[in-house]
Each structure stands twice: as structure tokens, then as C-alpha cells.
Amino acid sequence: MKRILALILIAALPVSGRNIDLSTVPGRDTIQLSIYNAEDLTLVRETRQVTFKQGANPLQFSWANTLIDPTSVEIRFPRAEDRLELLDTT
């Protein structure tokens, strides 16, 4: 009984949404794969359209079961290079 009461109390606690941003992953416009079996390497080129709001817009990309060399990631803003600045790619 104590366990059920504790779960109810925890569920009733107010949730603070200050640090939570809801976002959706934009669909891929295009995707191109180049697989190099001899080097155990795959080059992935994706194109996505992302809408940005005023100010800083953190983005996070990940792919399941994949080792990504962070120095190989390149992000471009082809239609807004003069208005957008990439601050960090860690």
C-alpha cells in the first residue's frame, strides 16, 4: 500500500517545463549513401528543411547503432548563409 501511495504522490508532483523543448524531426528531402566496404566507411548525405526561430536554435542529430566522426559533420545553410551562423558542432 505504501508503494502505491508513493507512486501516486510522485505522479502528482508538478512537472517543470522550463528546460524542455518539444521538437519534431523534419523529414529527409534527399538522402545519398556511398558505402566503402574496404574502409568500413559509409558517407551519408542528407538534405532536410528546418525552420528556425529568432535567437539560438539547438539541434541534435543521432543515428542508431552508428559511430559518427564528429569532425566529419558539415552543416550548410544554402538559402540563408548570410543570416545564420553555426556556433558549435560538438
N, C-alpha and C. Protein backbone atom coordinates (compact mmCIF):
# COMPACT_ATOMS: atom_id res chain seq x y z
N MET A 1 0.82 -1.19 0.00
CA MET A 1 0.00 0.00 0.00
C MET A 1 0.87 1.26 0.00
N LYS A 2 1.96 1.22 0.79
CA LYS A 2 2.85 2.38 0.84
C LYS A 2 3.47 2.64 -0.54
N ARG A 3 3.78 1.57 -1.28
CA ARG A 3 4.38 1.71 -2.61
C ARG A 3 3.40 2.39 -3.57
N ILE A 4 2.12 2.01 -3.52
CA ILE A 4 1.11 2.62 -4.39
C ILE A 4 0.94 4.08 -4.03
N LEU A 5 0.90 4.41 -2.74
CA LEU A 5 0.75 5.80 -2.30
C LEU A 5 1.94 6.63 -2.76
N ALA A 6 3.15 6.08 -2.66
CA ALA A 6 4.35 6.80 -3.10
C ALA A 6 4.30 7.07 -4.61
N LEU A 7 3.86 6.10 -5.40
CA LEU A 7 3.75 6.28 -6.84
C LEU A 7 2.71 7.34 -7.19
N ILE A 8 1.61 7.35 -6.46
CA ILE A 8 0.58 8.36 -6.70
C ILE A 8 1.12 9.75 -6.38
N LEU A 9 1.84 9.88 -5.26
CA LEU A 9 2.40 11.17 -4.89
C LEU A 9 3.44 11.65 -5.90
N ILE A 10 4.28 10.75 -6.37
CA ILE A 10 5.28 11.12 -7.38
C ILE A 10 4.60 11.55 -8.66
N ALA A 11 3.56 10.83 -9.07
CA ALA A 11 2.84 11.17 -10.29
C ALA A 11 2.13 12.51 -10.18
N ALA A 12 1.77 12.91 -8.96
CA ALA A 12 1.03 14.16 -8.75
C ALA A 12 1.94 15.38 -8.65
N LEU A 13 3.26 15.18 -8.58
CA LEU A 13 4.17 16.31 -8.46
C LEU A 13 4.10 17.17 -9.71
N PRO A 14 4.15 18.49 -9.56
CA PRO A 14 4.13 19.35 -10.74
C PRO A 14 5.41 19.17 -11.55
N VAL A 15 5.26 19.15 -12.84
CA VAL A 15 6.40 18.99 -13.74
C VAL A 15 6.78 20.35 -14.28
N SER A 16 8.02 20.70 -14.13
CA SER A 16 8.51 21.98 -14.64
C SER A 16 8.97 21.80 -16.08
N GLY A 17 8.44 22.62 -16.98
CA GLY A 17 8.78 22.51 -18.39
C GLY A 17 9.76 23.56 -18.86
N ARG A 18 10.47 24.18 -17.94
CA ARG A 18 11.38 25.26 -18.32
C ARG A 18 12.49 24.80 -19.25
N ASN A 19 13.00 23.61 -19.08
CA ASN A 19 14.13 23.15 -19.86
C ASN A 19 13.74 22.15 -20.93
N ILE A 20 12.47 22.06 -21.24
CA ILE A 20 12.01 21.08 -22.21
C ILE A 20 11.48 21.79 -23.44
N ASP A 21 12.04 21.47 -24.60
CA ASP A 21 11.53 21.96 -25.87
C ASP A 21 11.01 20.79 -26.65
N LEU A 22 9.82 20.90 -27.14
CA LEU A 22 9.25 19.86 -27.96
C LEU A 22 9.62 20.15 -29.40
N SER A 23 10.15 19.16 -30.07
CA SER A 23 10.51 19.36 -31.46
C SER A 23 10.24 18.09 -32.24
N THR A 24 10.08 18.26 -33.51
CA THR A 24 9.90 17.11 -34.38
C THR A 24 11.07 17.05 -35.34
N VAL A 25 11.37 15.86 -35.77
CA VAL A 25 12.46 15.67 -36.72
C VAL A 25 11.90 15.91 -38.11
N PRO A 26 12.47 16.87 -38.82
CA PRO A 26 11.96 17.10 -40.18
C PRO A 26 12.30 15.91 -41.07
N GLY A 27 11.41 15.61 -41.98
CA GLY A 27 11.64 14.51 -42.91
C GLY A 27 12.80 14.82 -43.84
N ARG A 28 13.41 13.78 -44.35
CA ARG A 28 14.52 13.94 -45.27
C ARG A 28 13.98 14.33 -46.65
N ASP A 29 14.54 15.37 -47.24
CA ASP A 29 14.20 15.73 -48.60
C ASP A 29 14.92 14.79 -49.57
N THR A 30 16.20 14.59 -49.30
CA THR A 30 17.00 13.67 -50.11
C THR A 30 17.97 12.93 -49.20
N ILE A 31 18.40 11.75 -49.63
CA ILE A 31 19.43 11.01 -48.92
C ILE A 31 20.28 10.28 -49.95
N GLN A 32 21.58 10.33 -49.73
CA GLN A 32 22.53 9.67 -50.63
C GLN A 32 23.53 8.90 -49.79
N LEU A 33 23.76 7.63 -50.11
CA LEU A 33 24.71 6.78 -49.40
C LEU A 33 25.84 6.39 -50.33
N SER A 34 27.05 6.48 -49.83
CA SER A 34 28.22 5.93 -50.52
C SER A 34 28.88 4.97 -49.54
N ILE A 35 28.91 3.68 -49.89
CA ILE A 35 29.42 2.65 -48.99
C ILE A 35 30.78 2.19 -49.48
N TYR A 36 31.78 2.27 -48.59
CA TYR A 36 33.15 1.86 -48.90
C TYR A 36 33.46 0.66 -48.01
N ASN A 37 33.21 -0.55 -48.52
CA ASN A 37 33.40 -1.77 -47.74
C ASN A 37 34.85 -1.98 -47.32
N ALA A 38 35.80 -1.66 -48.18
CA ALA A 38 37.21 -1.88 -47.86
C ALA A 38 37.67 -1.03 -46.68
N GLU A 39 37.05 0.10 -46.48
CA GLU A 39 37.44 1.01 -45.40
C GLU A 39 36.49 0.95 -44.21
N ASP A 40 35.43 0.11 -44.28
CA ASP A 40 34.40 0.05 -43.25
C ASP A 40 33.86 1.46 -42.98
N LEU A 41 33.45 2.11 -44.06
CA LEU A 41 33.07 3.52 -44.01
C LEU A 41 31.84 3.73 -44.88
N THR A 42 30.92 4.55 -44.39
CA THR A 42 29.75 4.95 -45.18
C THR A 42 29.62 6.46 -45.11
N LEU A 43 29.47 7.07 -46.25
CA LEU A 43 29.25 8.51 -46.34
C LEU A 43 27.75 8.72 -46.54
N VAL A 44 27.15 9.52 -45.67
CA VAL A 44 25.72 9.80 -45.75
C VAL A 44 25.54 11.29 -46.01
N ARG A 45 24.77 11.60 -47.03
CA ARG A 45 24.46 12.99 -47.33
C ARG A 45 22.94 13.14 -47.29
N GLU A 46 22.47 13.97 -46.37
CA GLU A 46 21.04 14.20 -46.21
C GLU A 46 20.72 15.67 -46.44
N THR A 47 19.54 15.89 -46.94
CA THR A 47 19.03 17.25 -47.08
C THR A 47 17.70 17.32 -46.34
N ARG A 48 17.59 18.27 -45.43
CA ARG A 48 16.36 18.48 -44.66
C ARG A 48 16.05 19.97 -44.63
N GLN A 49 14.79 20.29 -44.59
CA GLN A 49 14.39 21.68 -44.41
C GLN A 49 14.00 21.88 -42.96
N VAL A 50 14.65 22.83 -42.31
CA VAL A 50 14.43 23.10 -40.89
C VAL A 50 14.03 24.56 -40.75
N THR A 51 13.00 24.81 -39.96
CA THR A 51 12.57 26.17 -39.69
C THR A 51 13.20 26.63 -38.38
N PHE A 52 13.82 27.81 -38.42
CA PHE A 52 14.48 28.36 -37.24
C PHE A 52 13.67 29.53 -36.70
N LYS A 53 13.73 29.69 -35.37
CA LYS A 53 13.12 30.84 -34.74
C LYS A 53 14.21 31.87 -34.44
N GLN A 54 13.85 33.05 -34.05
CA GLN A 54 14.80 34.10 -33.70
C GLN A 54 15.64 33.65 -32.51
N GLY A 55 16.93 33.88 -32.53
CA GLY A 55 17.81 33.51 -31.42
C GLY A 55 18.49 32.18 -31.65
N ALA A 56 19.01 31.60 -30.58
CA ALA A 56 19.73 30.33 -30.67
C ALA A 56 18.75 29.17 -30.86
N ASN A 57 19.11 28.25 -31.75
CA ASN A 57 18.29 27.08 -32.04
C ASN A 57 19.15 25.84 -31.93
N PRO A 58 19.18 25.18 -30.78
CA PRO A 58 19.99 23.97 -30.66
C PRO A 58 19.41 22.83 -31.49
N LEU A 59 20.26 22.14 -32.21
CA LEU A 59 19.86 20.98 -33.00
C LEU A 59 20.66 19.78 -32.52
N GLN A 60 20.03 18.63 -32.53
CA GLN A 60 20.73 17.40 -32.15
C GLN A 60 20.36 16.33 -33.15
N PHE A 61 21.38 15.71 -33.74
CA PHE A 61 21.17 14.63 -34.68
C PHE A 61 21.85 13.38 -34.15
N SER A 62 21.21 12.26 -34.33
CA SER A 62 21.82 10.99 -33.97
C SER A 62 21.24 9.91 -34.87
N TRP A 63 22.01 8.86 -35.05
CA TRP A 63 21.59 7.72 -35.83
C TRP A 63 21.86 6.49 -35.00
N ALA A 64 20.90 5.59 -34.93
CA ALA A 64 21.02 4.39 -34.10
C ALA A 64 22.12 3.47 -34.60
N ASN A 65 22.85 2.88 -33.66
CA ASN A 65 23.89 1.89 -33.95
C ASN A 65 24.94 2.41 -34.93
N THR A 66 25.35 3.65 -34.75
CA THR A 66 26.28 4.28 -35.67
C THR A 66 27.39 4.98 -34.91
N LEU A 67 28.60 4.87 -35.40
CA LEU A 67 29.72 5.66 -34.89
C LEU A 67 29.94 6.81 -35.86
N ILE A 68 29.79 8.02 -35.37
CA ILE A 68 29.93 9.19 -36.22
C ILE A 68 31.19 9.93 -35.82
N ASP A 69 32.03 10.19 -36.79
CA ASP A 69 33.21 11.01 -36.57
C ASP A 69 32.75 12.46 -36.50
N PRO A 70 32.79 13.11 -35.32
CA PRO A 70 32.28 14.47 -35.22
C PRO A 70 33.00 15.47 -36.10
N THR A 71 34.23 15.18 -36.50
CA THR A 71 34.94 16.11 -37.38
C THR A 71 34.45 16.00 -38.82
N SER A 72 33.63 14.98 -39.11
CA SER A 72 33.15 14.81 -40.48
C SER A 72 31.78 15.44 -40.71
N VAL A 73 31.16 15.96 -39.67
CA VAL A 73 29.83 16.54 -39.80
C VAL A 73 29.94 17.94 -40.38
N GLU A 74 29.13 18.19 -41.39
CA GLU A 74 29.11 19.51 -42.03
C GLU A 74 27.66 19.94 -42.16
N ILE A 75 27.37 21.14 -41.71
CA ILE A 75 26.01 21.69 -41.82
C ILE A 75 26.10 22.95 -42.65
N ARG A 76 25.23 23.04 -43.63
CA ARG A 76 25.19 24.22 -44.51
C ARG A 76 23.80 24.83 -44.49
N PHE A 77 23.76 26.11 -44.75
CA PHE A 77 22.51 26.85 -44.85
C PHE A 77 22.46 27.48 -46.24
N PRO A 78 22.11 26.72 -47.27
CA PRO A 78 22.25 27.19 -48.65
C PRO A 78 21.43 28.42 -48.99
N ARG A 79 20.28 28.60 -48.37
CA ARG A 79 19.45 29.76 -48.72
C ARG A 79 19.50 30.86 -47.68
N ALA A 80 20.33 30.70 -46.64
CA ALA A 80 20.34 31.71 -45.58
C ALA A 80 21.73 31.87 -44.98
N GLU A 81 22.78 31.64 -45.75
CA GLU A 81 24.14 31.71 -45.18
C GLU A 81 24.47 33.06 -44.59
N ASP A 82 23.89 34.12 -45.13
CA ASP A 82 24.17 35.46 -44.61
C ASP A 82 23.37 35.76 -43.33
N ARG A 83 22.35 34.95 -43.00
CA ARG A 83 21.50 35.22 -41.84
C ARG A 83 21.69 34.22 -40.70
N LEU A 84 22.37 33.10 -40.95
CA LEU A 84 22.54 32.08 -39.92
C LEU A 84 24.01 31.83 -39.66
N GLU A 85 24.32 31.50 -38.41
CA GLU A 85 25.70 31.24 -38.00
C GLU A 85 25.73 29.94 -37.20
N LEU A 86 26.62 29.05 -37.57
CA LEU A 86 26.82 27.81 -36.84
C LEU A 86 27.82 28.08 -35.73
N LEU A 87 27.42 27.87 -34.46
CA LEU A 87 28.26 28.20 -33.32
C LEU A 87 29.12 27.04 -32.84
N ASP A 88 28.58 25.81 -32.89
CA ASP A 88 29.30 24.67 -32.32
C ASP A 88 28.80 23.38 -32.94
N THR A 89 29.69 22.40 -33.07
CA THR A 89 29.31 21.09 -33.61
C THR A 89 29.81 19.97 -32.73
N THR A 90 29.66 20.10 -31.42
CA THR A 90 30.12 19.04 -30.52
C THR A 90 29.04 18.03 -30.28
